[in-house]
């Protein structure tokens, strides 16, 4: 988890900002997984679609 959080900080270069946005999205998705599984909920969004769109927006 420490490694996942470390990846969420940017150095303000385009490619680095794109990396941190992607890493932040993945981290929050992982944090969502446990309560979704534990309480039998369904994820409100398709994470792979969000990541695909973010990658398209942040392509450098």
C-alpha atoms as a PDB file:
ATOM      1  CA  UNK A   1       0.000   0.000   0.000  1.00  0.00           C
ATOM      2  CA  UNK A   2       2.890   2.393   0.766  1.00  0.00           C
ATOM      3  CA  UNK A   3       4.225   1.872  -2.759  1.00  0.00           C
ATOM      4  CA  UNK A   4       0.764   2.560  -4.215  1.00  0.00           C
ATOM      5  CA  UNK A   5       0.478   5.848  -2.303  1.00  0.00           C
ATOM      6  CA  UNK A   6       4.002   6.910  -3.306  1.00  0.00           C
ATOM      7  CA  UNK A   7       3.008   6.653  -6.962  1.00  0.00           C
ATOM      8  CA  UNK A   8       0.253   9.250  -6.470  1.00  0.00           C
ATOM      9  CA  UNK A   9       2.656  12.220  -6.179  1.00  0.00           C
ATOM     10  CA  UNK A  10       3.736  14.178  -9.282  1.00  0.00           C
ATOM     11  CA  UNK A  11       6.768  16.208 -10.278  1.00  0.00           C
ATOM     12  CA  UNK A  12       4.619  18.331 -12.626  1.00  0.00           C
ATOM     13  CA  UNK A  13       5.892  16.921 -15.899  1.00  0.00           C
ATOM     14  CA  UNK A  14       3.147  15.874 -18.295  1.00  0.00           C
ATOM     15  CA  UNK A  15       4.017  12.196 -18.257  1.00  0.00           C
ATOM     16  CA  UNK A  16       4.475  12.229 -14.493  1.00  0.00           C
ATOM     17  CA  UNK A  17       1.107  13.888 -13.901  1.00  0.00           C
ATOM     18  CA  UNK A  18      -0.497  11.271 -16.168  1.00  0.00           C
ATOM     19  CA  UNK A  19       1.199   8.518 -14.149  1.00  0.00           C
ATOM     20  CA  UNK A  20      -0.046   9.947 -10.852  1.00  0.00           C
ATOM     21  CA  UNK A  21      -3.628  10.336 -12.081  1.00  0.00           C
ATOM     22  CA  UNK A  22      -3.583   6.713 -13.228  1.00  0.00           C
ATOM     23  CA  UNK A  23      -1.996   5.516  -9.959  1.00  0.00           C
ATOM     24  CA  UNK A  24      -4.494   7.493  -7.864  1.00  0.00           C
ATOM     25  CA  UNK A  25      -7.408   6.011  -9.792  1.00  0.00           C
ATOM     26  CA  UNK A  26      -6.027   2.496  -9.326  1.00  0.00           C
ATOM     27  CA  UNK A  27      -5.403   3.090  -5.607  1.00  0.00           C
ATOM     28  CA  UNK A  28      -8.919   4.365  -4.928  1.00  0.00           C
ATOM     29  CA  UNK A  29     -10.280   1.467  -6.957  1.00  0.00           C
ATOM     30  CA  UNK A  30      -8.374  -0.980  -4.778  1.00  0.00           C
ATOM     31  CA  UNK A  31      -9.685   0.767  -1.665  1.00  0.00           C
ATOM     32  CA  UNK A  32     -13.197   0.373  -3.081  1.00  0.00           C
ATOM     33  CA  UNK A  33     -12.785  -3.378  -3.639  1.00  0.00           C
ATOM     34  CA  UNK A  34     -12.867  -4.452   0.016  1.00  0.00           C
ATOM     35  CA  UNK A  35     -16.186  -2.870   1.080  1.00  0.00           C
ATOM     36  CA  UNK A  36     -17.767  -3.847  -2.240  1.00  0.00           C
ATOM     37  CA  UNK A  37     -16.784  -7.467  -1.650  1.00  0.00           C
ATOM     38  CA  UNK A  38     -17.408  -7.428   2.119  1.00  0.00           C
ATOM     39  CA  UNK A  39     -20.932  -5.995   1.939  1.00  0.00           C
ATOM     40  CA  UNK A  40     -22.001  -7.596  -1.335  1.00  0.00           C
ATOM     41  CA  UNK A  41     -22.257  -4.275  -3.152  1.00  0.00           C
ATOM     42  CA  UNK A  42     -21.741  -3.583  -6.815  1.00  0.00           C
ATOM     43  CA  UNK A  43     -19.140  -1.119  -8.032  1.00  0.00           C
ATOM     44  CA  UNK A  44     -20.938   1.983  -9.360  1.00  0.00           C
ATOM     45  CA  UNK A  45     -18.627   2.364 -12.367  1.00  0.00           C
ATOM     46  CA  UNK A  46     -16.491   0.255 -14.668  1.00  0.00           C
ATOM     47  CA  UNK A  47     -12.951   0.986 -13.448  1.00  0.00           C
ATOM     48  CA  UNK A  48     -11.314  -0.294 -16.638  1.00  0.00           C
ATOM     49  CA  UNK A  49     -13.387   2.190 -18.653  1.00  0.00           C
ATOM     50  CA  UNK A  50     -12.355   5.050 -16.379  1.00  0.00           C
ATOM     51  CA  UNK A  51      -8.687   4.076 -16.703  1.00  0.00           C
ATOM     52  CA  UNK A  52      -9.018   3.794 -20.490  1.00  0.00           C
ATOM     53  CA  UNK A  53     -10.530   7.285 -20.694  1.00  0.00           C
ATOM     54  CA  UNK A  54      -7.924   8.758 -18.348  1.00  0.00           C
ATOM     55  CA  UNK A  55      -5.144   7.208 -20.413  1.00  0.00           C
ATOM     56  CA  UNK A  56      -6.643   8.749 -23.550  1.00  0.00           C
ATOM     57  CA  UNK A  57      -6.915  12.170 -21.888  1.00  0.00           C
ATOM     58  CA  UNK A  58      -3.426  12.113 -20.424  1.00  0.00           C
ATOM     59  CA  UNK A  59      -1.599  10.609 -23.404  1.00  0.00           C
ATOM     60  CA  UNK A  60       1.583  12.596 -23.832  1.00  0.00           C
END
